[in-house]
Amino acid sequence: MELTKQYYSIGEVAELLHVAASKLRFWESKFDFLQPKTNEKGTRFYSQADIKLIQLIMYYVDDKGMTLEGAAAQIKKNKGKAQNEFSVIEELAHLRDELYAIRAEMNKLKES
């Protein structure tokens, strides 16, 4: 996912990551290190680092099946390692998608 803006609204982040905005607000209460900037009205503004952190939380909770407490402990304990691990997985998923696209194009050529 290509992030081009400096800050994103909660609605934009929810749409980008296919998650409910209420879940993002809930995670803010459970992960003390997830604190997006807010203005006087309380509107949240998520930085690219915040979005990467949310993706890391999603990886541990959704993909690895960890509890919220377990994910928080893992991220706090090994934040750098965890982010590197997630980056590798994200890159591999991107490469997989590219390979599927190449295979689809080759199949089209074969059918022609």
PDB file of N, CA and C in Angstrom:
ATOM      1  N   MET A   1       0.850  -1.165   0.000  1.00  0.00           N
ATOM      2  CA  MET A   1       0.000   0.000   0.000  1.00  0.00           C
ATOM      3  C   MET A   1       0.897   1.230   0.000  1.00  0.00           C
ATOM      4  N   GLU A   2       0.665   2.101  -0.920  1.00  0.00           N
ATOM      5  CA  GLU A   2       1.441   3.341  -1.065  1.00  0.00           C
ATOM      6  C   GLU A   2       0.767   4.462  -0.283  1.00  0.00           C
ATOM      7  N   LEU A   3       1.476   4.976   0.696  1.00  0.00           N
ATOM      8  CA  LEU A   3       0.961   6.096   1.484  1.00  0.00           C
ATOM      9  C   LEU A   3       1.579   7.376   0.945  1.00  0.00           C
ATOM     10  N   THR A   4       0.735   8.296   0.506  1.00  0.00           N
ATOM     11  CA  THR A   4       1.242   9.505  -0.147  1.00  0.00           C
ATOM     12  C   THR A   4       1.052  10.763   0.680  1.00  0.00           C
ATOM     13  N   LYS A   5       0.115  10.734   1.617  1.00  0.00           N
ATOM     14  CA  LYS A   5      -0.159  11.919   2.426  1.00  0.00           C
ATOM     15  C   LYS A   5       0.598  11.828   3.751  1.00  0.00           C
ATOM     16  N   GLN A   6       0.762  12.989   4.392  1.00  0.00           N
ATOM     17  CA  GLN A   6       1.428  13.010   5.687  1.00  0.00           C
ATOM     18  C   GLN A   6       0.479  12.532   6.791  1.00  0.00           C
ATOM     19  N   TYR A   7      -0.782  12.950   6.739  1.00  0.00           N
ATOM     20  CA  TYR A   7      -1.770  12.568   7.750  1.00  0.00           C
ATOM     21  C   TYR A   7      -3.056  12.095   7.085  1.00  0.00           C
ATOM     22  N   TYR A   8      -3.722  11.147   7.746  1.00  0.00           N
ATOM     23  CA  TYR A   8      -4.967  10.572   7.249  1.00  0.00           C
ATOM     24  C   TYR A   8      -6.029  10.645   8.341  1.00  0.00           C
ATOM     25  N   SER A   9      -7.271  10.847   7.944  1.00  0.00           N
ATOM     26  CA  SER A   9      -8.381  10.835   8.901  1.00  0.00           C
ATOM     27  C   SER A   9      -8.670   9.394   9.302  1.00  0.00           C
ATOM     28  N   ILE A  10      -9.449   9.224  10.361  1.00  0.00           N
ATOM     29  CA  ILE A  10      -9.795   7.879  10.810  1.00  0.00           C
ATOM     30  C   ILE A  10     -10.606   7.138   9.747  1.00  0.00           C
ATOM     31  N   GLY A  11     -11.459   7.869   9.036  1.00  0.00           N
ATOM     32  CA  GLY A  11     -12.230   7.251   7.959  1.00  0.00           C
ATOM     33  C   GLY A  11     -11.344   6.762   6.830  1.00  0.00           C
ATOM     34  N   GLU A  12     -10.341   7.555   6.474  1.00  0.00           N
ATOM     35  CA  GLU A  12      -9.414   7.148   5.414  1.00  0.00           C
ATOM     36  C   GLU A  12      -8.612   5.925   5.829  1.00  0.00           C
ATOM     37  N   VAL A  13      -8.151   5.906   7.088  1.00  0.00           N
ATOM     38  CA  VAL A  13      -7.385   4.759   7.581  1.00  0.00           C
ATOM     39  C   VAL A  13      -8.264   3.518   7.615  1.00  0.00           C
ATOM     40  N   ALA A  14      -9.491   3.667   8.079  1.00  0.00           N
ATOM     41  CA  ALA A  14     -10.420   2.542   8.124  1.00  0.00           C
ATOM     42  C   ALA A  14     -10.636   1.965   6.727  1.00  0.00           C
ATOM     43  N   GLU A  15     -10.792   2.855   5.755  1.00  0.00           N
ATOM     44  CA  GLU A  15     -10.998   2.396   4.374  1.00  0.00           C
ATOM     45  C   GLU A  15      -9.742   1.749   3.805  1.00  0.00           C
ATOM     46  N   LEU A  16      -8.592   2.360   4.041  1.00  0.00           N
ATOM     47  CA  LEU A  16      -7.323   1.807   3.547  1.00  0.00           C
ATOM     48  C   LEU A  16      -7.069   0.400   4.068  1.00  0.00           C
ATOM     49  N   LEU A  17      -7.369   0.188   5.349  1.00  0.00           N
ATOM     50  CA  LEU A  17      -7.032  -1.075   5.996  1.00  0.00           C
ATOM     51  C   LEU A  17      -8.207  -2.038   6.100  1.00  0.00           C
ATOM     52  N   HIS A  18      -9.371  -1.624   5.586  1.00  0.00           N
ATOM     53  CA  HIS A  18     -10.575  -2.470   5.609  1.00  0.00           C
ATOM     54  C   HIS A  18     -10.923  -2.891   7.033  1.00  0.00           C
ATOM     55  N   VAL A  19     -11.008  -1.895   7.899  1.00  0.00           N
ATOM     56  CA  VAL A  19     -11.334  -2.128   9.302  1.00  0.00           C
ATOM     57  C   VAL A  19     -12.286  -1.022   9.751  1.00  0.00           C
ATOM     58  N   ALA A  20     -13.124  -1.313  10.714  1.00  0.00           N
ATOM     59  CA  ALA A  20     -14.085  -0.318  11.201  1.00  0.00           C
ATOM     60  C   ALA A  20     -13.367   0.773  11.993  1.00  0.00           C
ATOM     61  N   ALA A  21     -13.843   1.989  11.852  1.00  0.00           N
ATOM     62  CA  ALA A  21     -13.269   3.111  12.605  1.00  0.00           C
ATOM     63  C   ALA A  21     -13.407   2.874  14.105  1.00  0.00           C
ATOM     64  N   SER A  22     -14.476   2.233  14.516  1.00  0.00           N
ATOM     65  CA  SER A  22     -14.665   1.944  15.943  1.00  0.00           C
ATOM     66  C   SER A  22     -13.572   1.017  16.471  1.00  0.00           C
ATOM     67  N   LYS A  23     -13.114   0.118  15.630  1.00  0.00           N
ATOM     68  CA  LYS A  23     -12.033  -0.782  16.029  1.00  0.00           C
ATOM     69  C   LYS A  23     -10.739   0.005  16.233  1.00  0.00           C
ATOM     70  N   LEU A  24     -10.496   0.979  15.376  1.00  0.00           N
ATOM     71  CA  LEU A  24      -9.307   1.814  15.527  1.00  0.00           C
ATOM     72  C   LEU A  24      -9.358   2.598  16.835  1.00  0.00           C
ATOM     73  N   ARG A  25     -10.528   3.154  17.143  1.00  0.00           N
ATOM     74  CA  ARG A  25     -10.682   3.892  18.403  1.00  0.00           C
ATOM     75  C   ARG A  25     -10.505   2.963  19.597  1.00  0.00           C
ATOM     76  N   PHE A  26     -11.024   1.744  19.502  1.00  0.00           N
ATOM     77  CA  PHE A  26     -10.870   0.770  20.578  1.00  0.00           C
ATOM     78  C   PHE A  26      -9.398   0.418  20.778  1.00  0.00           C
ATOM     79  N   TRP A  27      -8.685   0.189  19.677  1.00  0.00           N
ATOM     80  CA  TRP A  27      -7.268  -0.158  19.780  1.00  0.00           C
ATOM     81  C   TRP A  27      -6.457   0.960  20.423  1.00  0.00           C
ATOM     82  N   GLU A  28      -6.851   2.207  20.204  1.00  0.00           N
ATOM     83  CA  GLU A  28      -6.153   3.319  20.855  1.00  0.00           C
ATOM     84  C   GLU A  28      -6.227   3.192  22.375  1.00  0.00           C
ATOM     85  N   SER A  29      -7.341   2.658  22.869  1.00  0.00           N
ATOM     86  CA  SER A  29      -7.485   2.493  24.323  1.00  0.00           C
ATOM     87  C   SER A  29      -6.699   1.293  24.836  1.00  0.00           C
ATOM     88  N   LYS A  30      -6.418   0.345  23.978  1.00  0.00           N
ATOM     89  CA  LYS A  30      -5.718  -0.875  24.387  1.00  0.00           C
ATOM     90  C   LYS A  30      -4.210  -0.813  24.150  1.00  0.00           C
ATOM     91  N   PHE A  31      -3.778  -0.017  23.193  1.00  0.00           N
ATOM     92  CA  PHE A  31      -2.355   0.096  22.859  1.00  0.00           C
ATOM     93  C   PHE A  31      -1.909   1.515  23.174  1.00  0.00           C
ATOM     94  N   ASP A  32      -1.239   1.676  24.314  1.00  0.00           N
ATOM     95  CA  ASP A  32      -0.866   3.024  24.747  1.00  0.00           C
ATOM     96  C   ASP A  32       0.126   3.702  23.809  1.00  0.00           C
ATOM     97  N   PHE A  33       0.796   2.928  22.963  1.00  0.00           N
ATOM     98  CA  PHE A  33       1.740   3.503  22.013  1.00  0.00           C
ATOM     99  C   PHE A  33       1.075   3.921  20.702  1.00  0.00           C
ATOM    100  N   LEU A  34      -0.211   3.667  20.557  1.00  0.00           N
ATOM    101  CA  LEU A  34      -0.965   4.103  19.377  1.00  0.00           C
ATOM    102  C   LEU A  34      -1.754   5.351  19.760  1.00  0.00           C
ATOM    103  N   GLN A  35      -1.193   6.505  19.489  1.00  0.00           N
ATOM    104  CA  GLN A  35      -1.804   7.776  19.859  1.00  0.00           C
ATOM    105  C   GLN A  35      -1.716   8.754  18.690  1.00  0.00           C
ATOM    106  N   PRO A  36      -2.690   8.721  17.775  1.00  0.00           N
ATOM    107  CA  PRO A  36      -2.659   9.673  16.663  1.00  0.00           C
ATOM    108  C   PRO A  36      -2.848  11.101  17.173  1.00  0.00           C
ATOM    109  N   LYS A  37      -2.391  12.039  16.377  1.00  0.00           N
ATOM    110  CA  LYS A  37      -2.580  13.445  16.739  1.00  0.00           C
ATOM    111  C   LYS A  37      -4.067  13.781  16.689  1.00  0.00           C
ATOM    112  N   THR A  38      -4.470  14.714  17.547  1.00  0.00           N
ATOM    113  CA  THR A  38      -5.857  15.180  17.523  1.00  0.00           C
ATOM    114  C   THR A  38      -5.867  16.705  17.565  1.00  0.00           C
ATOM    115  N   ASN A  39      -6.926  17.278  16.991  1.00  0.00           N
ATOM    116  CA  ASN A  39      -7.069  18.736  17.071  1.00  0.00           C
ATOM    117  C   ASN A  39      -7.988  19.081  18.246  1.00  0.00           C
ATOM    118  N   GLU A  40      -8.346  20.357  18.360  1.00  0.00           N
ATOM    119  CA  GLU A  40      -9.171  20.807  19.477  1.00  0.00           C
ATOM    120  C   GLU A  40     -10.533  20.114  19.519  1.00  0.00           C
ATOM    121  N   LYS A  41     -11.057  19.764  18.362  1.00  0.00           N
ATOM    122  CA  LYS A  41     -12.356  19.099  18.281  1.00  0.00           C
ATOM    123  C   LYS A  41     -12.259  17.607  18.595  1.00  0.00           C
ATOM    124  N   GLY A  42     -11.047  17.080  18.661  1.00  0.00           N
ATOM    125  CA  GLY A  42     -10.868  15.654  18.902  1.00  0.00           C
ATOM    126  C   GLY A  42     -10.749  14.835  17.631  1.00  0.00           C
ATOM    127  N   THR A  43     -10.675  15.497  16.481  1.00  0.00           N
ATOM    128  CA  THR A  43     -10.506  14.790  15.220  1.00  0.00           C
ATOM    129  C   THR A  43      -9.129  14.150  15.185  1.00  0.00           C
ATOM    130  N   ARG A  44      -9.091  12.869  14.841  1.00  0.00           N
ATOM    131  CA  ARG A  44      -7.830  12.132  14.811  1.00  0.00           C
ATOM    132  C   ARG A  44      -7.133  12.316  13.466  1.00  0.00           C
ATOM    133  N   PHE A  45      -5.812  12.404  13.529  1.00  0.00           N
ATOM    134  CA  PHE A  45      -4.982  12.477  12.325  1.00  0.00           C
ATOM    135  C   PHE A  45      -3.872  11.447  12.467  1.00  0.00           C
ATOM    136  N   TYR A  46      -3.927  10.422  11.623  1.00  0.00           N
ATOM    137  CA  TYR A  46      -2.972   9.322  11.680  1.00  0.00           C
ATOM    138  C   TYR A  46      -1.803   9.591  10.736  1.00  0.00           C
ATOM    139  N   SER A  47      -0.600   9.460  11.264  1.00  0.00           N
ATOM    140  CA  SER A  47       0.603   9.593  10.441  1.00  0.00           C
ATOM    141  C   SER A  47       0.865   8.265   9.737  1.00  0.00           C
ATOM    142  N   GLN A  48       1.823   8.273   8.823  1.00  0.00           N
ATOM    143  CA  GLN A  48       2.197   7.038   8.148  1.00  0.00           C
ATOM    144  C   GLN A  48       2.747   6.027   9.155  1.00  0.00           C
ATOM    145  N   ALA A  49       3.474   6.510  10.174  1.00  0.00           N
ATOM    146  CA  ALA A  49       3.995   5.618  11.214  1.00  0.00           C
ATOM    147  C   ALA A  49       2.847   4.987  12.011  1.00  0.00           C
ATOM    148  N   ASP A  50       1.803   5.769  12.291  1.00  0.00           N
ATOM    149  CA  ASP A  50       0.628   5.234  12.988  1.00  0.00           C
ATOM    150  C   ASP A  50      -0.024   4.125  12.160  1.00  0.00           C
ATOM    151  N   ILE A  51      -0.125   4.340  10.867  1.00  0.00           N
ATOM    152  CA  ILE A  51      -0.748   3.347   9.986  1.00  0.00           C
ATOM    153  C   ILE A  51       0.080   2.075   9.947  1.00  0.00           C
ATOM    154  N   LYS A  52       1.395   2.204   9.880  1.00  0.00           N
ATOM    155  CA  LYS A  52       2.268   1.023   9.901  1.00  0.00           C
ATOM    156  C   LYS A  52       2.107   0.265  11.217  1.00  0.00           C
ATOM    157  N   LEU A  53       1.961   1.004  12.311  1.00  0.00           N
ATOM    158  CA  LEU A  53       1.759   0.390  13.617  1.00  0.00           C
ATOM    159  C   LEU A  53       0.431  -0.361  13.657  1.00  0.00           C
ATOM    160  N   ILE A  54      -0.608   0.218  13.086  1.00  0.00           N
ATOM    161  CA  ILE A  54      -1.910  -0.461  13.024  1.00  0.00           C
ATOM    162  C   ILE A  54      -1.797  -1.733  12.190  1.00  0.00           C
ATOM    163  N   GLN A  55      -1.076  -1.664  11.088  1.00  0.00           N
ATOM    164  CA  GLN A  55      -0.878  -2.855  10.264  1.00  0.00           C
ATOM    165  C   GLN A  55      -0.148  -3.938  11.052  1.00  0.00           C
ATOM    166  N   LEU A  56       0.810  -3.536  11.862  1.00  0.00           N
ATOM    167  CA  LEU A  56       1.538  -4.484  12.691  1.00  0.00           C
ATOM    168  C   LEU A  56       0.606  -5.117  13.727  1.00  0.00           C
ATOM    169  N   ILE A  57      -0.239  -4.312  14.335  1.00  0.00           N
ATOM    170  CA  ILE A  57      -1.230  -4.836  15.279  1.00  0.00           C
ATOM    171  C   ILE A  57      -2.145  -5.836  14.572  1.00  0.00           C
ATOM    172  N   MET A  58      -2.614  -5.474  13.392  1.00  0.00           N
ATOM    173  CA  MET A  58      -3.489  -6.366  12.626  1.00  0.00           C
ATOM    174  C   MET A  58      -2.778  -7.674  12.302  1.00  0.00           C
ATOM    175  N   TYR A  59      -1.503  -7.594  11.968  1.00  0.00           N
ATOM    176  CA  TYR A  59      -0.717  -8.787  11.659  1.00  0.00           C
ATOM    177  C   TYR A  59      -0.693  -9.729  12.861  1.00  0.00           C
ATOM    178  N   TYR A  60      -0.386  -9.194  14.034  1.00  0.00           N
ATOM    179  CA  TYR A  60      -0.300 -10.040  15.221  1.00  0.00           C
ATOM    180  C   TYR A  60      -1.671 -10.561  15.664  1.00  0.00           C
ATOM    181  N   VAL A  61      -2.672  -9.713  15.623  1.00  0.00           N
ATOM    182  CA  VAL A  61      -3.993 -10.108  16.123  1.00  0.00           C
ATOM    183  C   VAL A  61      -4.734 -10.966  15.096  1.00  0.00           C
ATOM    184  N   ASP A  62      -4.812 -10.505  13.864  1.00  0.00           N
ATOM    185  CA  ASP A  62      -5.603 -11.200  12.848  1.00  0.00           C
ATOM    186  C   ASP A  62      -4.860 -12.373  12.206  1.00  0.00           C
ATOM    187  N   ASP A  63      -3.609 -12.158  11.818  1.00  0.00           N
ATOM    188  CA  ASP A  63      -2.867 -13.200  11.104  1.00  0.00           C
ATOM    189  C   ASP A  63      -2.251 -14.237  12.037  1.00  0.00           C
ATOM    190  N   LYS A  64      -1.674 -13.769  13.144  1.00  0.00           N
ATOM    191  CA  LYS A  64      -1.006 -14.689  14.074  1.00  0.00           C
ATOM    192  C   LYS A  64      -1.939 -15.188  15.180  1.00  0.00           C
ATOM    193  N   GLY A  65      -3.121 -14.574  15.329  1.00  0.00           N
ATOM    194  CA  GLY A  65      -4.090 -15.022  16.317  1.00  0.00           C
ATOM    195  C   GLY A  65      -3.736 -14.670  17.757  1.00  0.00           C
ATOM    196  N   MET A  66      -2.933 -13.641  17.944  1.00  0.00           N
ATOM    197  CA  MET A  66      -2.558 -13.233  19.300  1.00  0.00           C
ATOM    198  C   MET A  66      -3.688 -12.433  19.948  1.00  0.00           C
ATOM    199  N   THR A  67      -3.678 -12.409  21.273  1.00  0.00           N
ATOM    200  CA  THR A  67      -4.600 -11.538  21.992  1.00  0.00           C
ATOM    201  C   THR A  67      -4.082 -10.107  21.878  1.00  0.00           C
ATOM    202  N   LEU A  68      -4.921  -9.138  22.219  1.00  0.00           N
ATOM    203  CA  LEU A  68      -4.478  -7.745  22.191  1.00  0.00           C
ATOM    204  C   LEU A  68      -3.319  -7.528  23.155  1.00  0.00           C
ATOM    205  N   GLU A  69      -3.398  -8.149  24.331  1.00  0.00           N
ATOM    206  CA  GLU A  69      -2.331  -8.017  25.319  1.00  0.00           C
ATOM    207  C   GLU A  69      -1.036  -8.636  24.805  1.00  0.00           C
ATOM    208  N   GLY A  70      -1.148  -9.796  24.181  1.00  0.00           N
ATOM    209  CA  GLY A  70       0.024 -10.468  23.623  1.00  0.00           C
ATOM    210  C   GLY A  70       0.653  -9.658  22.503  1.00  0.00           C
ATOM    211  N   ALA A  71      -0.187  -9.097  21.650  1.00  0.00           N
ATOM    212  CA  ALA A  71       0.323  -8.269  20.551  1.00  0.00           C
ATOM    213  C   ALA A  71       1.019  -7.031  21.093  1.00  0.00           C
ATOM    214  N   ALA A  72       0.425  -6.392  22.108  1.00  0.00           N
ATOM    215  CA  ALA A  72       1.035  -5.206  22.701  1.00  0.00           C
ATOM    216  C   ALA A  72       2.385  -5.537  23.310  1.00  0.00           C
ATOM    217  N   ALA A  73       2.464  -6.644  24.015  1.00  0.00           N
ATOM    218  CA  ALA A  73       3.731  -7.052  24.637  1.00  0.00           C
ATOM    219  C   ALA A  73       4.786  -7.357  23.581  1.00  0.00           C
ATOM    220  N   GLN A  74       4.374  -8.045  22.523  1.00  0.00           N
ATOM    221  CA  GLN A  74       5.307  -8.397  21.444  1.00  0.00           C
ATOM    222  C   GLN A  74       5.845  -7.154  20.763  1.00  0.00           C
ATOM    223  N   ILE A  75       4.978  -6.205  20.500  1.00  0.00           N
ATOM    224  CA  ILE A  75       5.399  -4.977  19.824  1.00  0.00           C
ATOM    225  C   ILE A  75       6.313  -4.165  20.728  1.00  0.00           C
ATOM    226  N   LYS A  76       5.966  -4.055  21.998  1.00  0.00           N
ATOM    227  CA  LYS A  76       6.810  -3.293  22.930  1.00  0.00           C
ATOM    228  C   LYS A  76       8.167  -3.944  23.107  1.00  0.00           C
ATOM    229  N   LYS A  77       8.176  -5.254  23.171  1.00  0.00           N
ATOM    230  CA  LYS A  77       9.421  -5.995  23.413  1.00  0.00           C
ATOM    231  C   LYS A  77      10.367  -5.936  22.214  1.00  0.00           C
ATOM    232  N   ASN A  78       9.820  -6.110  21.047  1.00  0.00           N
ATOM    233  CA  ASN A  78      10.644  -6.237  19.834  1.00  0.00           C
ATOM    234  C   ASN A  78      10.138  -5.346  18.722  1.00  0.00           C
ATOM    235  N   LYS A  79       9.911  -4.070  19.002  1.00  0.00           N
ATOM    236  CA  LYS A  79       9.288  -3.193  18.007  1.00  0.00           C
ATOM    237  C   LYS A  79      10.057  -3.189  16.687  1.00  0.00           C
ATOM    238  N   GLY A  80      11.358  -3.011  16.728  1.00  0.00           N
ATOM    239  CA  GLY A  80      12.153  -2.980  15.495  1.00  0.00           C
ATOM    240  C   GLY A  80      12.107  -4.294  14.751  1.00  0.00           C
ATOM    241  N   LYS A  81      12.286  -5.391  15.471  1.00  0.00           N
ATOM    242  CA  LYS A  81      12.251  -6.717  14.860  1.00  0.00           C
ATOM    243  C   LYS A  81      10.872  -7.004  14.298  1.00  0.00           C
ATOM    244  N   ALA A  82       9.841  -6.655  15.060  1.00  0.00           N
ATOM    245  CA  ALA A  82       8.463  -6.905  14.614  1.00  0.00           C
ATOM    246  C   ALA A  82       8.157  -6.129  13.344  1.00  0.00           C
ATOM    247  N   GLN A  83       8.592  -4.865  13.274  1.00  0.00           N
ATOM    248  CA  GLN A  83       8.345  -4.066  12.078  1.00  0.00           C
ATOM    249  C   GLN A  83       9.109  -4.634  10.883  1.00  0.00           C
ATOM    250  N   ASN A  84      10.334  -5.101  11.102  1.00  0.00           N
ATOM    251  CA  ASN A  84      11.096  -5.712  10.014  1.00  0.00           C
ATOM    252  C   ASN A  84      10.430  -6.986   9.524  1.00  0.00           C
ATOM    253  N   GLU A  85       9.962  -7.808  10.464  1.00  0.00           N
ATOM    254  CA  GLU A  85       9.270  -9.041  10.108  1.00  0.00           C
ATOM    255  C   GLU A  85       8.019  -8.729   9.283  1.00  0.00           C
ATOM    256  N   PHE A  86       7.254  -7.739   9.731  1.00  0.00           N
ATOM    257  CA  PHE A  86       6.043  -7.373   9.003  1.00  0.00           C
ATOM    258  C   PHE A  86       6.388  -6.826   7.622  1.00  0.00           C
ATOM    259  N   SER A  87       7.452  -6.029   7.515  1.00  0.00           N
ATOM    260  CA  SER A  87       7.857  -5.472   6.220  1.00  0.00           C
ATOM    261  C   SER A  87       8.212  -6.577   5.241  1.00  0.00           C
ATOM    262  N   VAL A  88       8.911  -7.593   5.714  1.00  0.00           N
ATOM    263  CA  VAL A  88       9.272  -8.726   4.852  1.00  0.00           C
ATOM    264  C   VAL A  88       8.012  -9.447   4.380  1.00  0.00           C
ATOM    265  N   ILE A  89       7.090  -9.679   5.293  1.00  0.00           N
ATOM    266  CA  ILE A  89       5.842 -10.363   4.940  1.00  0.00           C
ATOM    267  C   ILE A  89       5.039  -9.532   3.947  1.00  0.00           C
ATOM    268  N   GLU A  90       4.992  -8.227   4.173  1.00  0.00           N
ATOM    269  CA  GLU A  90       4.276  -7.331   3.267  1.00  0.00           C
ATOM    270  C   GLU A  90       4.906  -7.353   1.869  1.00  0.00           C
ATOM    271  N   GLU A  91       6.225  -7.349   1.804  1.00  0.00           N
ATOM    272  CA  GLU A  91       6.923  -7.387   0.513  1.00  0.00           C
ATOM    273  C   GLU A  91       6.690  -8.724  -0.191  1.00  0.00           C
ATOM    274  N   LEU A  92       6.711  -9.803   0.559  1.00  0.00           N
ATOM    275  CA  LEU A  92       6.448 -11.117  -0.043  1.00  0.00           C
ATOM    276  C   LEU A  92       5.025 -11.201  -0.595  1.00  0.00           C
ATOM    277  N   ALA A  93       4.069 -10.633   0.106  1.00  0.00           N
ATOM    278  CA  ALA A  93       2.684 -10.621  -0.377  1.00  0.00           C
ATOM    279  C   ALA A  93       2.586  -9.820  -1.666  1.00  0.00           C
ATOM    280  N   HIS A  94       3.313  -8.696  -1.719  1.00  0.00           N
ATOM    281  CA  HIS A  94       3.325  -7.877  -2.936  1.00  0.00           C
ATOM    282  C   HIS A  94       3.936  -8.662  -4.102  1.00  0.00           C
ATOM    283  N   LEU A  95       5.033  -9.358  -3.849  1.00  0.00           N
ATOM    284  CA  LEU A  95       5.665 -10.167  -4.895  1.00  0.00           C
ATOM    285  C   LEU A  95       4.744 -11.294  -5.359  1.00  0.00           C
ATOM    286  N   ARG A  96       4.022 -11.917  -4.408  1.00  0.00           N
ATOM    287  CA  ARG A  96       3.076 -12.966  -4.755  1.00  0.00           C
ATOM    288  C   ARG A  96       1.998 -12.427  -5.700  1.00  0.00           C
ATOM    289  N   ASP A  97       1.474 -11.244  -5.381  1.00  0.00           N
ATOM    290  CA  ASP A  97       0.453 -10.635  -6.226  1.00  0.00           C
ATOM    291  C   ASP A  97       0.985 -10.355  -7.625  1.00  0.00           C
ATOM    292  N   GLU A  98       2.230  -9.887  -7.699  1.00  0.00           N
ATOM    293  CA  GLU A  98       2.840  -9.634  -9.009  1.00  0.00           C
ATOM    294  C   GLU A  98       3.002 -10.925  -9.794  1.00  0.00           C
ATOM    295  N   LEU A  99       3.414 -11.990  -9.116  1.00  0.00           N
ATOM    296  CA  LEU A  99       3.570 -13.275  -9.795  1.00  0.00           C
ATOM    297  C   LEU A  99       2.229 -13.805 -10.299  1.00  0.00           C
ATOM    298  N   TYR A 100       1.171 -13.633  -9.513  1.00  0.00           N
ATOM    299  CA  TYR A 100      -0.156 -14.036  -9.973  1.00  0.00           C
ATOM    300  C   TYR A 100      -0.561 -13.247 -11.215  1.00  0.00           C
ATOM    301  N   ALA A 101      -0.247 -11.971 -11.237  1.00  0.00           N
ATOM    302  CA  ALA A 101      -0.572 -11.135 -12.399  1.00  0.00           C
ATOM    303  C   ALA A 101       0.211 -11.591 -13.622  1.00  0.00           C
ATOM    304  N   ILE A 102       1.468 -11.923 -13.433  1.00  0.00           N
ATOM    305  CA  ILE A 102       2.296 -12.410 -14.551  1.00  0.00           C
ATOM    306  C   ILE A 102       1.747 -13.732 -15.067  1.00  0.00           C
ATOM    307  N   ARG A 103       1.373 -14.625 -14.159  1.00  0.00           N
ATOM    308  CA  ARG A 103       0.813 -15.909 -14.575  1.00  0.00           C
ATOM    309  C   ARG A 103      -0.481 -15.709 -15.362  1.00  0.00           C
ATOM    310  N   ALA A 104      -1.321 -14.777 -14.913  1.00  0.00           N
ATOM    311  CA  ALA A 104      -2.571 -14.506 -15.616  1.00  0.00           C
ATOM    312  C   ALA A 104      -2.292 -13.985 -17.024  1.00  0.00           C
ATOM    313  N   GLU A 105      -1.311 -13.102 -17.152  1.00  0.00           N
ATOM    314  CA  GLU A 105      -0.943 -12.587 -18.478  1.00  0.00           C
ATOM    315  C   GLU A 105      -0.397 -13.702 -19.363  1.00  0.00           C
ATOM    316  N   MET A 106       0.401 -14.589 -18.798  1.00  0.00           N
ATOM    317  CA  MET A 106       0.954 -15.711 -19.579  1.00  0.00           C
ATOM    318  C   MET A 106      -0.166 -16.635 -20.031  1.00  0.00           C
ATOM    319  N   ASN A 107      -1.149 -16.868 -19.162  1.00  0.00           N
ATOM    320  CA  ASN A 107      -2.282 -17.709 -19.551  1.00  0.00           C
ATOM    321  C   ASN A 107      -3.087 -17.080 -20.682  1.00  0.00           C
ATOM    322  N   LYS A 108      -3.237 -15.748 -20.651  1.00  0.00           N
ATOM    323  CA  LYS A 108      -3.937 -15.039 -21.736  1.00  0.00           C
ATOM    324  C   LYS A 108      -3.179 -15.217 -23.045  1.00  0.00           C
ATOM    325  N   LEU A 109      -1.869 -15.096 -22.977  1.00  0.00           N
ATOM    326  CA  LEU A 109      -1.064 -15.244 -24.192  1.00  0.00           C
ATOM    327  C   LEU A 109      -1.142 -16.686 -24.725  1.00  0.00           C
ATOM    328  N   LYS A 110      -1.161 -17.626 -23.838  1.00  0.00           N
ATOM    329  CA  LYS A 110      -1.234 -19.028 -24.206  1.00  0.00           C
ATOM    330  C   LYS A 110      -2.562 -19.340 -24.901  1.00  0.00           C
ATOM    331  N   GLU A 111      -3.639 -18.695 -24.439  1.00  0.00           N
ATOM    332  CA  GLU A 111      -4.964 -18.911 -25.009  1.00  0.00           C
ATOM    333  C   GLU A 111      -5.123 -18.260 -26.372  1.00  0.00           C
ATOM    334  N   SER A 112      -4.286 -17.284 -26.671  1.00  0.00           N
ATOM    335  CA  SER A 112      -4.408 -16.554 -27.937  1.00  0.00           C
ATOM    336  C   SER A 112      -3.913 -17.350 -29.107  1.00  0.00           C
TER     337      SER A 112
END
